[in-house]
Amino acid sequence: MSTMSSFKINHCIEELREKRDEIKKILQVEEEEKANIQKDLVVLTKRLAEIDDSLSRKYAYTNEYDKTIHEVEAAYSKIMESSQALLHVLKSDQF
């Protein structure tokens, strides 16, 4: 093999190594980014579960409040009706 051919082959091999090293650097950066995203995903998934739980409890509380408000309003309405009926009876008895 001639010296020129040997030089060209060595040059090509060196270029391939440089390209490989560049890709390895990119791989390392992307692996670090992937690891960070996975950590963030774990944290965000946990937080999402906590928020879902909190929302479920709060919706249940608001439903209970709605039910209680409706019951109190209905009872108050009956009290007012009874009060009006009683006043009507009292007024009728006085004459």
Protein backbone atom coordinates (compact mmCIF):
# COMPACT_ATOMS: atom_id res chain seq x y z
CA MET A 1 0.00 0.00 0.00
CA SER A 2 1.33 3.40 -0.84
CA THR A 3 2.01 6.08 1.70
CA MET A 4 -0.62 8.29 0.13
CA SER A 5 -3.28 5.57 0.42
CA SER A 6 -2.29 4.91 3.99
CA PHE A 7 -2.53 8.62 4.77
CA LYS A 8 -6.00 8.85 3.20
CA ILE A 9 -7.23 5.83 5.14
CA ASN A 10 -5.84 7.19 8.41
CA HIS A 11 -7.41 10.56 7.65
CA CYS A 12 -10.80 8.92 6.98
CA ILE A 13 -10.53 6.91 10.18
CA GLU A 14 -9.71 10.06 12.13
CA GLU A 15 -12.70 11.88 10.61
CA LEU A 16 -14.95 8.97 11.56
CA ARG A 17 -13.63 9.07 15.13
CA GLU A 18 -14.27 12.82 15.34
CA LYS A 19 -17.83 12.36 14.10
CA ARG A 20 -18.34 9.52 16.57
CA ASP A 21 -17.02 11.72 19.42
CA GLU A 22 -19.37 14.54 18.40
CA ILE A 23 -22.30 12.15 18.45
CA LYS A 24 -21.22 10.82 21.86
CA LYS A 25 -21.24 14.38 23.23
CA ILE A 26 -24.71 14.93 21.82
CA LEU A 27 -25.83 11.60 23.27
CA GLN A 28 -24.55 12.59 26.70
CA VAL A 29 -26.39 15.92 26.58
CA GLU A 30 -29.61 14.23 25.46
CA GLU A 31 -29.29 11.51 28.11
CA GLU A 32 -28.93 14.19 30.79
CA GLU A 33 -31.93 16.04 29.39
CA LYS A 34 -33.91 12.79 29.34
CA ALA A 35 -33.00 12.08 32.97
CA ASN A 36 -34.06 15.59 34.00
CA ILE A 37 -37.35 15.27 32.15
CA GLN A 38 -38.01 11.90 33.78
CA LYS A 39 -37.39 13.43 37.22
CA ASP A 40 -39.71 16.30 36.38
CA LEU A 41 -42.30 13.86 35.11
CA VAL A 42 -42.26 11.95 38.40
CA VAL A 43 -42.70 15.19 40.35
CA LEU A 44 -45.44 16.44 38.03
CA THR A 45 -47.28 13.10 38.05
CA LYS A 46 -47.27 13.09 41.85
CA ARG A 47 -48.50 16.70 41.95
CA LEU A 48 -51.22 15.92 39.42
CA ALA A 49 -52.45 13.05 41.59
CA GLU A 50 -52.48 15.34 44.64
CA ILE A 51 -54.45 18.00 42.77
CA ASP A 52 -56.92 15.42 41.43
CA ASP A 53 -57.48 14.16 44.98
CA SER A 54 -57.93 17.70 46.28
CA LEU A 55 -60.38 18.54 43.50
CA SER A 56 -62.42 15.41 44.19
CA ARG A 57 -62.69 16.28 47.88
CA LYS A 58 -63.61 19.89 47.15
CA TYR A 59 -66.27 18.90 44.63
CA ALA A 60 -67.73 16.55 47.25
CA TYR A 61 -67.71 19.41 49.79
CA THR A 62 -69.47 21.77 47.39
CA ASN A 63 -72.08 19.10 46.65
CA GLU A 64 -72.68 18.68 50.39
CA TYR A 65 -72.97 22.45 50.81
CA ASP A 66 -75.43 22.62 47.90
CA LYS A 67 -77.50 19.85 49.47
CA THR A 68 -77.47 21.53 52.90
CA ILE A 69 -78.36 24.93 51.42
CA HIS A 70 -81.26 23.39 49.51
CA GLU A 71 -82.53 21.62 52.65
CA VAL A 72 -82.25 24.78 54.77
CA GLU A 73 -84.02 26.86 52.13
CA ALA A 74 -86.82 24.30 51.91
CA ALA A 75 -87.18 24.19 55.70
CA TYR A 76 -87.14 27.99 55.91
CA SER A 77 -89.81 28.18 53.21
CA LYS A 78 -92.01 25.78 55.19
CA ILE A 79 -91.45 27.81 58.36
CA MET A 80 -92.46 30.98 56.53
CA GLU A 81 -95.57 29.29 55.13
CA SER A 82 -96.52 28.02 58.58
CA SER A 83 -95.90 31.45 60.07
CA GLN A 84 -98.12 33.09 57.47
CA ALA A 85 -100.82 30.49 58.05
CA LEU A 86 -100.61 31.03 61.80
CA LEU A 87 -100.87 34.81 61.38
CA HIS A 88 -103.87 34.33 59.13
CA VAL A 89 -105.56 32.11 61.73
CA LEU A 90 -104.81 34.58 64.51
CA LYS A 91 -106.22 37.46 62.50
CA SER A 92 -109.34 35.42 61.69
CA ASP A 93 -109.91 34.56 65.37
CA GLN A 94 -109.72 38.18 66.50
CA PHE A 95 -112.76 39.27 64.54
